[in-house]
């Protein structure tokens, strides 16, 4: 498990972070295909959440 001290959001991404006994991140969308454009990555102590503008939606 990695420690995340910063969250970086790149793009227009709606999300909800929840605290509790387990860490959770919810990303809401009316279009399930849109979720395939969201990518997460942990680099050092940063959680990076990106919306890939190049991913095509059909």
N, C-alpha and C. Protein backbone atom coordinates (compact mmCIF):
# COMPACT_ATOMS: atom_id res chain seq x y z
N UNK A 1 0.84 -1.17 0.00
CA UNK A 1 0.00 0.00 0.00
C UNK A 1 0.89 1.24 0.00
N UNK A 2 0.54 2.22 -0.83
CA UNK A 2 1.31 3.45 -0.91
C UNK A 2 0.59 4.58 -0.19
N UNK A 3 1.36 5.50 0.33
CA UNK A 3 0.80 6.68 0.98
C UNK A 3 0.63 7.77 -0.07
N UNK A 4 -0.59 8.30 -0.18
CA UNK A 4 -0.87 9.39 -1.11
C UNK A 4 -1.09 10.65 -0.31
N UNK A 5 -0.30 11.67 -0.59
CA UNK A 5 -0.43 12.94 0.12
C UNK A 5 -1.03 14.04 -0.74
N UNK A 6 -1.02 13.83 -2.07
CA UNK A 6 -1.55 14.83 -2.99
C UNK A 6 -2.38 14.13 -4.06
N UNK A 7 -3.43 14.81 -4.50
CA UNK A 7 -4.26 14.31 -5.60
C UNK A 7 -4.20 15.34 -6.71
N UNK A 8 -3.84 14.90 -7.92
CA UNK A 8 -3.76 15.77 -9.08
C UNK A 8 -4.86 15.33 -10.04
N UNK A 9 -5.75 16.27 -10.42
CA UNK A 9 -6.84 15.97 -11.35
C UNK A 9 -6.57 16.74 -12.63
N UNK A 10 -6.44 16.02 -13.75
CA UNK A 10 -6.15 16.63 -15.04
C UNK A 10 -7.32 16.34 -15.98
N UNK A 11 -8.06 17.35 -16.37
CA UNK A 11 -9.24 17.18 -17.22
C UNK A 11 -10.48 17.47 -16.39
N UNK A 12 -11.62 17.34 -17.01
CA UNK A 12 -12.87 17.59 -16.29
C UNK A 12 -13.42 16.25 -15.83
N UNK A 13 -13.07 15.88 -14.63
CA UNK A 13 -13.45 14.61 -14.06
C UNK A 13 -14.24 14.84 -12.78
N UNK A 14 -15.47 14.32 -12.72
CA UNK A 14 -16.25 14.40 -11.50
C UNK A 14 -15.94 13.16 -10.66
N UNK A 15 -15.54 13.39 -9.42
CA UNK A 15 -15.27 12.24 -8.56
C UNK A 15 -15.59 12.59 -7.12
N UNK A 16 -15.76 11.55 -6.31
CA UNK A 16 -16.06 11.69 -4.89
C UNK A 16 -15.05 10.83 -4.14
N UNK A 17 -14.37 11.42 -3.17
CA UNK A 17 -13.44 10.67 -2.32
C UNK A 17 -14.13 10.42 -0.99
N UNK A 18 -14.06 9.20 -0.51
CA UNK A 18 -14.74 8.81 0.73
C UNK A 18 -13.72 8.33 1.75
N UNK A 19 -13.90 8.76 2.99
CA UNK A 19 -13.07 8.26 4.07
C UNK A 19 -13.88 7.25 4.87
N UNK A 20 -13.20 6.28 5.40
CA UNK A 20 -13.87 5.25 6.19
C UNK A 20 -12.88 4.17 6.55
N UNK A 21 -13.39 3.00 6.84
CA UNK A 21 -12.50 1.89 7.20
C UNK A 21 -11.68 1.41 6.01
N UNK A 22 -12.16 1.71 4.80
CA UNK A 22 -11.44 1.37 3.57
C UNK A 22 -11.44 2.58 2.65
N UNK A 23 -10.32 2.79 1.97
CA UNK A 23 -10.24 3.93 1.03
C UNK A 23 -11.09 3.63 -0.20
N UNK A 24 -11.82 4.64 -0.66
CA UNK A 24 -12.67 4.48 -1.85
C UNK A 24 -12.60 5.75 -2.67
N UNK A 25 -12.70 5.59 -3.97
CA UNK A 25 -12.83 6.71 -4.88
C UNK A 25 -13.92 6.35 -5.87
N UNK A 26 -14.91 7.21 -6.00
CA UNK A 26 -16.02 6.97 -6.90
C UNK A 26 -15.94 7.95 -8.06
N UNK A 27 -16.06 7.44 -9.26
CA UNK A 27 -16.11 8.28 -10.46
C UNK A 27 -17.48 8.04 -11.07
N UNK A 28 -18.29 9.10 -11.18
CA UNK A 28 -19.66 8.97 -11.67
C UNK A 28 -19.75 9.40 -13.13
N UNK A 29 -20.57 8.68 -13.88
CA UNK A 29 -20.78 9.03 -15.28
C UNK A 29 -22.10 8.45 -15.75
N UNK A 30 -22.81 9.20 -16.59
CA UNK A 30 -24.03 8.68 -17.21
C UNK A 30 -23.70 7.77 -18.39
N UNK A 31 -22.49 7.89 -18.93
CA UNK A 31 -22.07 7.12 -20.09
C UNK A 31 -20.95 6.16 -19.68
N UNK A 32 -21.23 4.84 -19.61
CA UNK A 32 -20.20 3.88 -19.18
C UNK A 32 -18.94 3.91 -20.03
N UNK A 33 -19.05 4.21 -21.32
CA UNK A 33 -17.86 4.26 -22.17
C UNK A 33 -16.94 5.39 -21.79
N UNK A 34 -17.49 6.44 -21.22
CA UNK A 34 -16.69 7.58 -20.78
C UNK A 34 -15.69 7.16 -19.71
N UNK A 35 -16.08 6.17 -18.89
CA UNK A 35 -15.18 5.72 -17.81
C UNK A 35 -13.89 5.13 -18.35
N UNK A 36 -13.90 4.62 -19.58
CA UNK A 36 -12.68 4.05 -20.15
C UNK A 36 -11.64 5.14 -20.43
N UNK A 37 -12.05 6.41 -20.39
CA UNK A 37 -11.13 7.52 -20.63
C UNK A 37 -10.43 7.97 -19.36
N UNK A 38 -10.82 7.45 -18.20
CA UNK A 38 -10.22 7.86 -16.93
C UNK A 38 -9.06 6.92 -16.60
N UNK A 39 -7.91 7.51 -16.29
CA UNK A 39 -6.72 6.74 -15.95
C UNK A 39 -6.19 7.25 -14.61
N UNK A 40 -5.76 6.33 -13.76
CA UNK A 40 -5.15 6.70 -12.49
C UNK A 40 -3.74 6.14 -12.42
N UNK A 41 -2.88 6.86 -11.72
CA UNK A 41 -1.50 6.45 -11.58
C UNK A 41 -0.95 7.06 -10.30
N UNK A 42 -0.18 6.30 -9.55
CA UNK A 42 0.48 6.82 -8.35
C UNK A 42 1.95 7.01 -8.68
N UNK A 43 2.40 8.26 -8.52
CA UNK A 43 3.80 8.60 -8.75
C UNK A 43 4.31 9.27 -7.48
N UNK A 44 5.23 8.59 -6.80
CA UNK A 44 5.71 9.12 -5.52
C UNK A 44 4.56 9.18 -4.53
N UNK A 45 4.28 10.38 -4.00
CA UNK A 45 3.18 10.53 -3.05
C UNK A 45 1.96 11.19 -3.69
N UNK A 46 1.88 11.18 -5.04
CA UNK A 46 0.77 11.83 -5.75
C UNK A 46 -0.09 10.79 -6.46
N UNK A 47 -1.40 10.91 -6.27
CA UNK A 47 -2.36 10.13 -7.05
C UNK A 47 -2.80 11.03 -8.20
N UNK A 48 -2.52 10.61 -9.43
CA UNK A 48 -2.85 11.41 -10.61
C UNK A 48 -4.07 10.78 -11.28
N UNK A 49 -5.12 11.59 -11.47
CA UNK A 49 -6.36 11.16 -12.12
C UNK A 49 -6.48 11.98 -13.39
N UNK A 50 -6.48 11.29 -14.54
CA UNK A 50 -6.48 11.98 -15.82
C UNK A 50 -7.64 11.51 -16.69
N UNK A 51 -8.18 12.45 -17.46
CA UNK A 51 -9.16 12.12 -18.49
C UNK A 51 -8.43 12.17 -19.81
N UNK A 52 -8.34 11.04 -20.48
CA UNK A 52 -7.60 10.96 -21.75
C UNK A 52 -8.44 11.55 -22.88
N UNK A 53 -8.06 12.74 -23.39
CA UNK A 53 -8.85 13.36 -24.45
C UNK A 53 -8.69 12.65 -25.79
N UNK A 54 -7.66 11.82 -25.93
CA UNK A 54 -7.41 11.14 -27.20
C UNK A 54 -8.20 9.86 -27.34
N UNK A 55 -8.70 9.32 -26.23
CA UNK A 55 -9.48 8.07 -26.32
C UNK A 55 -10.77 8.32 -27.07
N UNK A 56 -11.07 7.48 -28.02
CA UNK A 56 -12.26 7.70 -28.84
C UNK A 56 -13.46 7.01 -28.21
N UNK A 57 -14.57 7.70 -28.31
CA UNK A 57 -15.84 7.13 -27.88
C UNK A 57 -16.62 6.77 -29.13
N UNK A 58 -17.20 5.58 -29.15
CA UNK A 58 -17.98 5.16 -30.33
C UNK A 58 -19.44 5.13 -30.02
